[in-house]
Protein backbone atom coordinates (compact mmCIF):
# COMPACT_ATOMS: atom_id res chain seq x y z
CA MET A 1 -224.85 -58.28 -127.00
CA THR A 2 -221.75 -61.17 -126.28
CA ALA A 3 -222.50 -63.85 -126.80
CA GLU A 4 -222.16 -66.30 -123.49
CA ARG A 5 -221.76 -69.74 -122.39
CA GLN A 6 -224.79 -71.95 -121.13
CA LEU A 7 -224.91 -72.57 -117.03
CA SER A 8 -223.67 -76.87 -117.76
CA TYR A 9 -220.37 -75.67 -119.05
CA TYR A 10 -219.85 -73.05 -116.17
CA MET A 11 -221.34 -75.65 -113.98
CA ASN A 12 -218.77 -78.87 -115.46
CA LYS A 13 -215.66 -76.19 -115.59
CA SER A 14 -215.63 -75.34 -112.15
CA SER A 15 -214.97 -79.29 -111.35
CA GLU A 16 -211.68 -79.10 -112.69
CA LEU A 17 -210.40 -76.18 -110.81
CA ALA A 18 -208.74 -78.14 -108.49
CA ARG A 19 -206.27 -78.78 -110.46
CA GLN A 20 -204.86 -75.72 -112.29
CA LYS A 21 -202.57 -72.91 -109.84
CA PHE A 22 -203.85 -68.72 -109.65
CA ASP A 23 -201.58 -65.81 -109.49
CA LYS A 24 -204.87 -64.66 -107.70
CA LYS A 25 -207.23 -65.39 -104.58
CA ILE A 26 -210.70 -63.83 -103.50
CA ARG A 27 -212.99 -65.30 -100.70
CA ILE A 28 -216.52 -64.91 -101.30
CA GLY A 29 -219.81 -64.84 -99.65
CA LEU A 30 -223.24 -65.02 -101.54
CA LEU A 31 -226.44 -64.00 -99.51
CA GLY A 32 -229.68 -64.34 -101.35
CA SER A 33 -233.22 -63.97 -101.13
CA PHE A 34 -233.61 -66.88 -103.23
CA THR A 35 -232.30 -69.61 -104.88
CA LEU A 36 -228.35 -68.97 -106.07
CA ASN A 37 -227.83 -71.73 -107.80
CA GLY A 38 -225.20 -72.04 -110.52
CA LEU A 39 -223.70 -68.52 -109.34
CA SER A 40 -220.90 -69.70 -107.62
CA GLU A 41 -220.03 -72.28 -110.02
CA THR A 42 -219.92 -70.17 -112.53
CA LEU A 43 -218.34 -67.14 -109.98
CA ALA A 44 -215.87 -69.56 -109.62
CA VAL A 45 -215.17 -70.13 -113.04
CA LYS A 46 -214.78 -66.60 -114.07
CA CYS A 47 -212.85 -65.72 -112.06
CA ALA A 48 -210.06 -68.72 -113.49
CA GLU A 49 -210.42 -66.86 -116.86
CA LYS A 50 -208.52 -64.21 -114.81
CA ASN A 51 -206.06 -66.49 -113.01
CA ILE A 52 -208.09 -65.45 -110.00
CA GLN A 53 -208.82 -68.73 -107.47
CA CYS A 54 -212.44 -67.98 -106.13
CA GLN A 55 -213.65 -69.27 -103.38
CA ALA A 56 -216.92 -69.33 -101.80
CA TYR A 57 -219.90 -69.60 -99.50
CA VAL A 58 -223.47 -69.86 -100.33
CA GLY A 59 -225.55 -69.07 -97.80
CA GLY A 60 -229.10 -70.79 -96.94
CA TYR A 61 -232.09 -70.05 -99.22
CA ASN A 62 -233.21 -66.77 -97.60
CA GLN A 63 -231.32 -66.42 -94.42
CA PHE A 64 -229.58 -63.59 -95.15
CA ASN A 65 -230.80 -61.74 -91.71
CA GLN A 66 -229.66 -64.75 -90.06
CA GLU A 67 -226.46 -65.08 -91.22
CA ILE A 68 -225.33 -61.26 -90.63
CA LEU A 69 -226.94 -60.94 -87.83
CA ASN A 70 -225.19 -63.93 -86.23
CA GLN A 71 -221.50 -63.43 -85.17
CA GLU A 72 -221.16 -67.03 -85.03
CA SER A 73 -223.05 -68.17 -88.17
CA GLU A 74 -221.27 -70.44 -91.23
CA LEU A 75 -220.83 -66.67 -92.47
CA TYR A 76 -218.51 -65.32 -90.32
CA LYS A 77 -216.40 -68.74 -89.61
CA PHE A 78 -215.55 -68.36 -93.79
CA GLY A 79 -214.87 -64.82 -93.64
CA PRO A 80 -215.41 -63.33 -97.05
CA GLU A 81 -213.50 -60.70 -98.58
CA ILE A 82 -216.28 -59.48 -100.50
CA LEU A 83 -220.05 -59.95 -99.96
CA PHE A 84 -222.70 -59.86 -102.19
CA LEU A 85 -226.50 -59.52 -100.57
CA LEU A 86 -228.91 -60.63 -103.42
CA ILE A 87 -232.11 -59.12 -102.77
CA ASP A 88 -235.20 -58.99 -104.82
CA THR A 89 -238.50 -56.91 -104.76
CA ARG A 90 -240.91 -59.46 -104.10
CA THR A 91 -239.17 -60.00 -100.99
CA MET A 92 -238.13 -56.22 -99.96
CA LEU A 93 -241.66 -55.33 -100.24
CA GLY A 94 -243.58 -58.09 -99.09
CA ASP A 95 -247.78 -58.28 -99.64
CA LEU A 96 -246.87 -54.52 -101.16
CA PHE A 97 -245.35 -56.13 -104.47
CA HIS A 98 -249.00 -56.94 -105.43
CA ASN A 99 -251.31 -54.74 -103.18
CA PRO A 100 -248.89 -51.41 -102.77
CA TYR A 101 -251.90 -49.36 -102.37
CA SER A 102 -253.55 -50.98 -100.31
CA VAL A 103 -252.48 -48.90 -97.64
CA SER A 104 -251.96 -45.13 -97.83
CA ALA A 105 -248.90 -42.77 -99.76
CA GLU A 106 -247.69 -42.23 -96.34
CA ASP A 107 -247.43 -45.68 -95.17
CA ARG A 108 -246.00 -46.24 -98.29
CA ARG A 109 -243.16 -43.71 -97.36
CA ASP A 110 -242.34 -45.33 -94.19
CA VAL A 111 -242.59 -48.84 -95.46
CA VAL A 112 -239.65 -47.13 -97.96
CA ASP A 113 -237.84 -45.88 -94.94
CA LYS A 114 -238.32 -49.07 -92.46
CA LYS A 115 -236.88 -51.28 -95.88
CA THR A 116 -233.94 -48.78 -97.14
CA LYS A 117 -233.04 -48.55 -93.00
CA GLU A 118 -233.36 -52.71 -92.68
CA ILE A 119 -230.75 -53.18 -95.44
CA LEU A 120 -228.43 -50.39 -94.31
CA ASP A 121 -228.60 -51.55 -90.17
CA LEU A 122 -227.53 -55.47 -92.24
CA ALA A 123 -224.47 -53.82 -93.72
CA ASN A 124 -223.35 -51.77 -91.39
CA ARG A 125 -223.59 -54.80 -88.90
CA PHE A 126 -221.68 -56.60 -91.28
CA CYS A 127 -219.05 -53.71 -92.20
CA ASN A 128 -218.44 -53.56 -88.52
CA LYS A 129 -217.56 -57.18 -87.75
CA THR A 130 -215.45 -57.29 -90.50
CA LYS A 131 -212.18 -56.27 -92.53
CA SER A 132 -214.61 -57.09 -96.08
CA LYS A 133 -216.51 -55.15 -98.56
CA ILE A 134 -220.65 -55.94 -99.04
CA ILE A 135 -222.02 -55.16 -102.75
CA LEU A 136 -226.09 -54.79 -102.33
CA SER A 137 -228.05 -55.15 -105.21
CA ASN A 138 -230.22 -52.68 -105.46
CA LEU A 139 -234.23 -53.55 -106.75
CA SER A 140 -235.77 -53.74 -110.18
CA ILE A 141 -238.50 -51.82 -111.07
CA PRO A 142 -241.50 -54.24 -112.17
CA THR A 143 -242.83 -52.91 -115.70
CA PHE A 144 -246.33 -54.00 -114.02
CA SER A 145 -248.46 -51.92 -112.20
CA PRO A 146 -251.19 -52.53 -110.33
CA ASN A 147 -252.29 -49.07 -111.40
CA GLY A 148 -251.41 -49.49 -115.31
CA ILE A 149 -251.80 -46.59 -116.99
CA PHE A 150 -252.31 -44.20 -114.02
CA GLU A 151 -249.20 -45.39 -112.50
CA ASN A 152 -247.44 -42.13 -113.25
CA ARG A 153 -250.52 -39.99 -111.92
CA THR A 154 -250.42 -41.73 -108.40
CA GLU A 155 -249.15 -40.23 -105.09
CA TYR A 156 -245.80 -41.95 -104.84
CA GLY A 157 -246.89 -44.76 -106.69
CA PHE A 158 -245.53 -48.54 -106.87
CA HIS A 159 -242.81 -47.64 -109.14
CA LYS A 160 -242.34 -44.51 -106.72
CA MET A 161 -241.39 -45.91 -104.15
CA ILE A 162 -239.31 -48.81 -105.50
CA SER A 163 -236.73 -46.10 -106.98
CA ASP A 164 -236.52 -44.11 -104.13
CA ILE A 165 -235.36 -47.21 -102.04
CA ASN A 166 -232.86 -47.31 -105.09
CA ASN A 167 -231.96 -43.76 -104.58
CA ARG A 168 -231.36 -43.97 -101.23
CA LEU A 169 -229.44 -47.08 -101.17
CA ASP A 170 -227.15 -45.36 -103.54
CA GLU A 171 -226.57 -41.86 -101.11
CA MET A 172 -226.14 -43.96 -98.03
CA ALA A 173 -223.32 -45.89 -99.87
CA LYS A 174 -221.61 -43.10 -100.98
CA ASN A 175 -220.89 -42.46 -96.75
CA LEU A 176 -219.80 -45.71 -96.56
CA ASP A 177 -216.35 -46.87 -97.69
CA SER A 178 -216.87 -50.60 -97.61
CA VAL A 179 -220.23 -50.76 -99.34
CA TYR A 180 -221.32 -50.62 -102.47
CA VAL A 181 -224.52 -51.29 -104.93
CA TYR A 182 -225.29 -53.40 -107.58
CA ASP A 183 -227.29 -52.19 -110.55
CA PHE A 184 -229.32 -55.42 -111.17
CA ALA A 185 -232.41 -52.61 -111.92
CA ARG A 186 -229.87 -51.93 -114.78
CA PHE A 187 -228.77 -55.19 -115.79
CA VAL A 188 -232.98 -56.04 -115.62
CA THR A 189 -233.59 -52.80 -118.15
CA LYS A 190 -230.24 -53.84 -119.97
CA HIS A 191 -231.50 -57.98 -120.79
CA GLY A 192 -235.36 -57.35 -120.34
CA GLU A 193 -237.40 -58.73 -117.76
CA LYS A 194 -238.83 -61.46 -119.40
CA ASN A 195 -235.01 -62.95 -120.30
CA VAL A 196 -234.41 -62.22 -116.51
CA PHE A 197 -236.91 -63.79 -115.20
CA ASP A 198 -238.09 -66.91 -115.74
CA TYR A 199 -241.62 -67.53 -113.43
CA LYS A 200 -242.08 -71.06 -114.70
CA GLN A 201 -238.67 -71.92 -113.04
CA PHE A 202 -238.97 -69.06 -110.03
CA PHE A 203 -242.50 -71.46 -108.94
CA PHE A 204 -240.88 -74.42 -109.35
CA GLY A 205 -237.78 -73.83 -107.34
CA ASP A 206 -237.93 -70.17 -105.83
CA MET A 207 -235.10 -69.33 -108.23
CA LYS A 208 -235.58 -66.09 -109.78
CA ILE A 209 -233.43 -65.92 -112.16
CA SER A 210 -233.34 -67.44 -115.39
CA LEU A 211 -230.47 -70.17 -115.69
CA ASN A 212 -229.81 -68.74 -118.68
CA TYR A 213 -228.79 -65.74 -117.05
CA ILE A 214 -227.18 -66.25 -114.05
CA PRO A 215 -223.79 -66.16 -116.33
CA TYR A 216 -224.73 -62.70 -117.60
CA LEU A 217 -225.09 -61.84 -113.59
CA ALA A 218 -221.71 -63.94 -112.16
CA ASN A 219 -219.88 -61.57 -114.94
CA ASP A 220 -221.48 -58.45 -113.33
CA LEU A 221 -219.88 -59.40 -110.28
CA VAL A 222 -217.03 -60.48 -111.21
CA SER A 223 -215.76 -56.57 -112.01
CA TYR A 224 -215.64 -56.05 -107.94
CA VAL A 225 -213.39 -59.04 -107.54
CA ILE A 226 -211.55 -57.33 -110.54
CA GLY A 227 -212.02 -53.57 -108.89
CA HIS A 228 -211.13 -55.29 -105.52
CA LEU A 229 -207.73 -57.15 -106.36
CA GLY A 230 -206.76 -53.50 -108.14
CA ILE A 231 -205.90 -56.25 -111.27
CA SER A 232 -208.15 -53.74 -113.54
CA LYS A 233 -206.24 -53.45 -117.34
CA LYS A 234 -204.66 -49.89 -117.72
CA CYS A 235 -203.79 -49.32 -120.98
CA ILE A 236 -205.54 -50.55 -124.51
CA VAL A 237 -202.87 -50.63 -127.54
CA LEU A 238 -204.97 -50.40 -131.01
CA ASP A 239 -204.67 -50.78 -134.28
CA LEU A 240 -205.72 -48.38 -136.82
CA ASP A 241 -207.03 -49.64 -140.22
CA ASN A 242 -210.40 -51.38 -139.90
CA THR A 243 -210.09 -50.85 -136.14
CA LEU A 244 -210.05 -47.48 -135.37
CA TRP A 245 -211.45 -46.62 -139.58
CA GLY A 246 -212.97 -48.68 -142.06
CA GLY A 247 -210.47 -49.57 -144.84
CA ILE A 248 -206.67 -49.47 -145.23
CA ILE A 249 -205.22 -45.74 -145.24
CA GLY A 250 -202.23 -46.86 -147.44
CA GLU A 251 -204.82 -48.23 -149.81
CA ASP A 252 -207.75 -46.19 -149.87
CA GLY A 253 -206.30 -42.93 -149.02
CA PHE A 254 -207.28 -39.60 -146.67
CA ASN A 255 -211.11 -39.84 -148.65
CA GLY A 256 -211.67 -43.01 -148.95
CA ILE A 257 -211.66 -44.31 -145.83
CA LYS A 258 -215.11 -45.31 -143.92
CA LEU A 259 -215.08 -42.60 -140.49
CA GLY A 260 -217.82 -40.36 -140.11
CA PRO A 261 -221.84 -39.45 -139.66
CA GLU A 262 -222.97 -42.40 -142.73
CA PRO A 263 -222.71 -46.43 -142.48
CA PRO A 264 -220.56 -48.17 -141.66
CA GLY A 265 -218.15 -45.22 -141.00
CA ASN A 266 -220.45 -44.06 -137.92
CA ALA A 267 -219.55 -47.48 -135.99
CA PHE A 268 -215.86 -46.28 -136.06
CA VAL A 269 -217.30 -42.71 -134.54
CA GLU A 270 -218.92 -44.90 -132.05
CA PHE A 271 -215.72 -46.99 -130.61
CA GLN A 272 -213.67 -44.47 -130.63
CA LYS A 273 -216.28 -42.22 -128.98
CA THR A 274 -216.59 -45.23 -126.34
CA LEU A 275 -212.67 -45.65 -125.88
CA LEU A 276 -212.27 -41.65 -125.38
CA ALA A 277 -214.97 -41.76 -122.75
CA LEU A 278 -212.72 -44.60 -121.25
CA HIS A 279 -209.70 -42.18 -122.05
CA GLN A 280 -211.00 -39.66 -119.38
CA ARG A 281 -211.22 -42.37 -116.84
CA GLY A 282 -208.05 -43.04 -116.75
CA VAL A 283 -207.27 -45.67 -119.14
CA ILE A 284 -203.88 -44.95 -121.13
CA LEU A 285 -204.37 -45.35 -125.32
CA SER A 286 -201.63 -46.00 -127.45
CA ILE A 287 -201.53 -47.25 -131.32
CA ASN A 288 -199.10 -50.52 -132.56
CA SER A 289 -200.22 -50.09 -136.48
CA LYS A 290 -198.32 -51.72 -139.53
CA ASN A 291 -198.55 -48.90 -142.04
CA ASN A 292 -197.22 -45.32 -143.30
CA TYR A 293 -196.41 -43.29 -140.24
CA ASP A 294 -196.97 -39.97 -142.43
CA ASP A 295 -200.49 -41.37 -144.37
CA ALA A 296 -201.74 -42.30 -140.30
CA ILE A 297 -200.64 -39.35 -138.80
CA LYS A 298 -202.11 -37.05 -140.85
CA ALA A 299 -205.23 -38.91 -140.77
CA ILE A 300 -205.40 -38.88 -136.87
CA ARG A 301 -204.29 -35.47 -137.20
CA GLU A 302 -206.66 -33.84 -139.78
CA HIS A 303 -209.35 -36.92 -140.62
CA PRO A 304 -212.98 -34.25 -139.45
CA PHE A 305 -214.37 -37.57 -138.31
CA MET A 306 -211.57 -38.66 -135.87
CA VAL A 307 -212.47 -38.50 -132.62
CA LEU A 308 -209.38 -39.85 -131.39
CA LYS A 309 -206.29 -37.15 -132.08
CA GLU A 310 -202.73 -37.13 -131.26
CA ASN A 311 -203.06 -36.18 -127.73
CA HIS A 312 -204.38 -39.37 -126.69
CA PHE A 313 -202.32 -41.33 -127.29
CA ALA A 314 -199.55 -41.73 -125.29
CA CYS A 315 -197.53 -44.59 -127.16
CA VAL A 316 -197.21 -44.34 -131.11
CA ARG A 317 -196.43 -46.99 -132.88
CA ILE A 318 -196.65 -46.96 -136.15
CA ASN A 319 -194.60 -48.80 -138.63
CA TRP A 320 -194.09 -51.84 -140.41
CA ASN A 321 -192.12 -53.95 -137.23
CA ASP A 322 -193.91 -57.11 -136.21
CA LYS A 323 -196.43 -55.90 -133.91
CA VAL A 324 -194.85 -57.61 -131.41
CA SER A 325 -191.47 -55.69 -131.76
CA ASN A 326 -193.91 -52.58 -130.85
CA MET A 327 -195.59 -53.91 -128.14
CA LYS A 328 -192.65 -54.99 -125.87
CA GLU A 329 -191.66 -51.21 -127.41
CA ILE A 330 -194.62 -49.80 -125.70
CA ALA A 331 -194.75 -51.82 -122.26
CA ASP A 332 -191.08 -50.86 -122.06
CA GLU A 333 -192.00 -46.97 -123.03
CA LEU A 334 -194.73 -46.72 -120.48
CA ASN A 335 -193.52 -48.81 -117.48
CA ILE A 336 -196.36 -50.88 -117.09
CA GLY A 337 -197.26 -54.75 -116.63
CA LEU A 338 -197.62 -56.47 -119.49
CA GLU A 339 -200.88 -57.61 -117.47
CA SER A 340 -202.08 -54.44 -117.67
CA PHE A 341 -202.62 -54.38 -121.32
CA VAL A 342 -205.09 -55.41 -123.83
CA PHE A 343 -204.49 -55.07 -127.31
CA VAL A 344 -207.67 -54.67 -130.02
CA ASP A 345 -206.98 -55.82 -133.48
CA ASP A 346 -209.08 -56.88 -136.27
CA ASP A 347 -206.92 -59.92 -137.81
CA PRO A 348 -207.42 -62.25 -136.13
CA VAL A 349 -203.25 -63.43 -137.77
CA ASN A 350 -202.31 -60.25 -135.88
CA ARG A 351 -204.56 -61.49 -132.10
CA GLU A 352 -203.32 -65.06 -132.60
CA TYR A 353 -199.69 -63.94 -133.49
CA MET A 354 -199.70 -62.36 -129.92
CA LYS A 355 -201.32 -64.57 -128.15
CA ILE A 356 -198.45 -66.78 -128.91
CA ASN A 357 -196.02 -64.40 -127.98
CA MET A 358 -197.20 -62.77 -125.41
CA PRO A 359 -199.90 -64.29 -123.54
CA GLN A 360 -200.00 -61.99 -120.22
CA ILE A 361 -201.89 -59.13 -122.28
CA LEU A 362 -205.35 -59.27 -123.26
CA THR A 363 -206.08 -60.51 -126.98
CA VAL A 364 -210.10 -59.40 -127.59
CA ASP A 365 -211.96 -61.03 -129.97
CA PHE A 366 -213.56 -58.21 -131.93
CA PRO A 367 -216.84 -59.36 -133.60
CA ASP A 368 -216.53 -58.98 -137.67
CA ASP A 369 -218.71 -56.15 -137.93
CA PRO A 370 -217.78 -53.12 -136.74
CA SER A 371 -220.82 -51.89 -135.15
CA GLN A 372 -220.62 -54.36 -132.61
CA TYR A 373 -217.03 -53.03 -131.49
CA ALA A 374 -218.24 -50.28 -129.15
CA GLU A 375 -220.23 -52.92 -127.73
CA THR A 376 -217.82 -55.27 -126.76
CA ILE A 377 -215.78 -52.45 -125.49
CA LYS A 378 -218.51 -51.77 -123.07
CA GLU A 379 -219.19 -55.21 -121.70
CA MET A 380 -216.01 -55.96 -121.21
CA ASN A 381 -215.17 -56.36 -117.28
CA ASP A 382 -211.33 -55.82 -117.78
CA PHE A 383 -211.32 -51.78 -116.90
CA SER A 384 -213.47 -52.08 -113.60
CA VAL A 385 -212.19 -50.10 -110.21
CA LEU A 386 -214.22 -49.77 -107.39
CA ASN A 387 -213.53 -45.57 -106.95
CA ILE A 388 -212.03 -43.19 -109.61
CA THR A 389 -209.52 -40.56 -108.18
CA GLN A 390 -209.34 -37.00 -109.69
CA GLU A 391 -205.38 -38.55 -110.74
CA ASP A 392 -207.13 -41.72 -112.52
CA GLN A 393 -208.63 -39.04 -114.83
CA SER A 394 -205.54 -37.13 -115.62
CA ARG A 395 -204.20 -40.41 -116.44
CA GLY A 396 -204.34 -40.46 -119.65
CA LYS A 397 -203.78 -37.49 -120.81
CA MET A 398 -200.67 -36.89 -118.68
CA TYR A 399 -199.19 -39.99 -120.16
CA ALA A 400 -200.02 -38.59 -123.51
CA GLU A 401 -197.92 -34.62 -122.90
CA GLN A 402 -195.52 -36.57 -122.44
CA GLN A 403 -195.66 -38.88 -125.40
CA CYS A 404 -196.35 -35.25 -127.00
CA LYS A 405 -192.67 -33.99 -125.04
CA LEU A 406 -190.75 -36.58 -126.44
CA LEU A 407 -191.27 -35.83 -129.66
CA LYS A 408 -191.36 -31.93 -129.69
CA MET A 409 -187.56 -33.17 -127.62
CA VAL A 410 -186.67 -35.45 -130.77
CA THR A 411 -187.88 -33.14 -133.45
CA THR A 412 -185.61 -30.93 -131.65
CA ILE A 413 -182.64 -33.20 -131.74
CA ILE A 414 -182.39 -33.98 -134.85
CA SER A 415 -183.28 -30.13 -136.28
CA MET A 416 -179.76 -29.31 -134.11
CA LYS A 417 -177.91 -32.27 -135.94
CA MET A 418 -179.11 -31.23 -139.00
CA VAL A 419 -178.12 -27.50 -138.79
CA ILE A 420 -175.18 -28.31 -137.65
């Protein structure tokens, strides 16, 4: 997991944002069933890092019902473009959070029906009164159950209740254009229940999320801002040596590079699989490498453990030119703005050179350890979109096919000239 800054950093940094200028703006509403201290400030700083000015409205403590139902509330006066509604499992279930088996299985089903309807009615009420999007958090499933190890054999048990609420929220939101579900349950699973929830902090101030994990939560929520504004990154430009494989192809040779089922080569295979998944979702892949073309292209075409093949790359620059010049050519050929690119290179010198000369491009500071490459890409929210169409899914393939056609055309022209 990528290390995060402390909440205090974001609190201090947020006071400096008024003096900055931004390319984009967003108005965000935050409503919750628990104290949300520090979340709006952290969101503002994280948005600023994406060149977005974020104005936030934070509703009163556990006042989400009143804020949404009353059209004269401060929420509607503020007019958010995105509203985040964060409700925790304790609040949703009330007394049944501690005593779910005080009622029958049938009654538990009725509670699930009622609670799900209440939340969806709130979402519909808000959407009908505004043109905004609303993001509902689903519910984390506690590791504890009053029935202990018998939980899984209990008819419509405590955990089943919560998972049913989550599933119904998902299904209902699919049919509502302006309603999305934030997977808070996954957030808790990823970071760990004992880390996310600080019970000392909770019992003193009803702050259910540990202050240490507010920045991680904010990072997830910024994904929706990126998707809403349509500023997700479109193309990842990759180095080859010590990036897509271990070692240097020009020195180690075809059989000497590290790529395969054994460590450290398996980390590079994992990284390539992660990139392929993004490619299949519509993210364009390209190569920018200082290398002998014949050596590098042979590895791409023929290495048995190479996951990414030539047909996955929309643009290939393998030469001895400087990487900034190559990047300019790639941008011109693909005809997309520099702000849509992500540059990945293991060499900090190349990264710094790119940052200085092409600051519009997001140059990622990758860790030294290749085993962290895949996780670094997975944790980036820069590729977030609110909808994925069939056209999106075929975009990477389409650009790559155009590259193949261009190469064939160039090869044909060269052959004809040689004949003449």
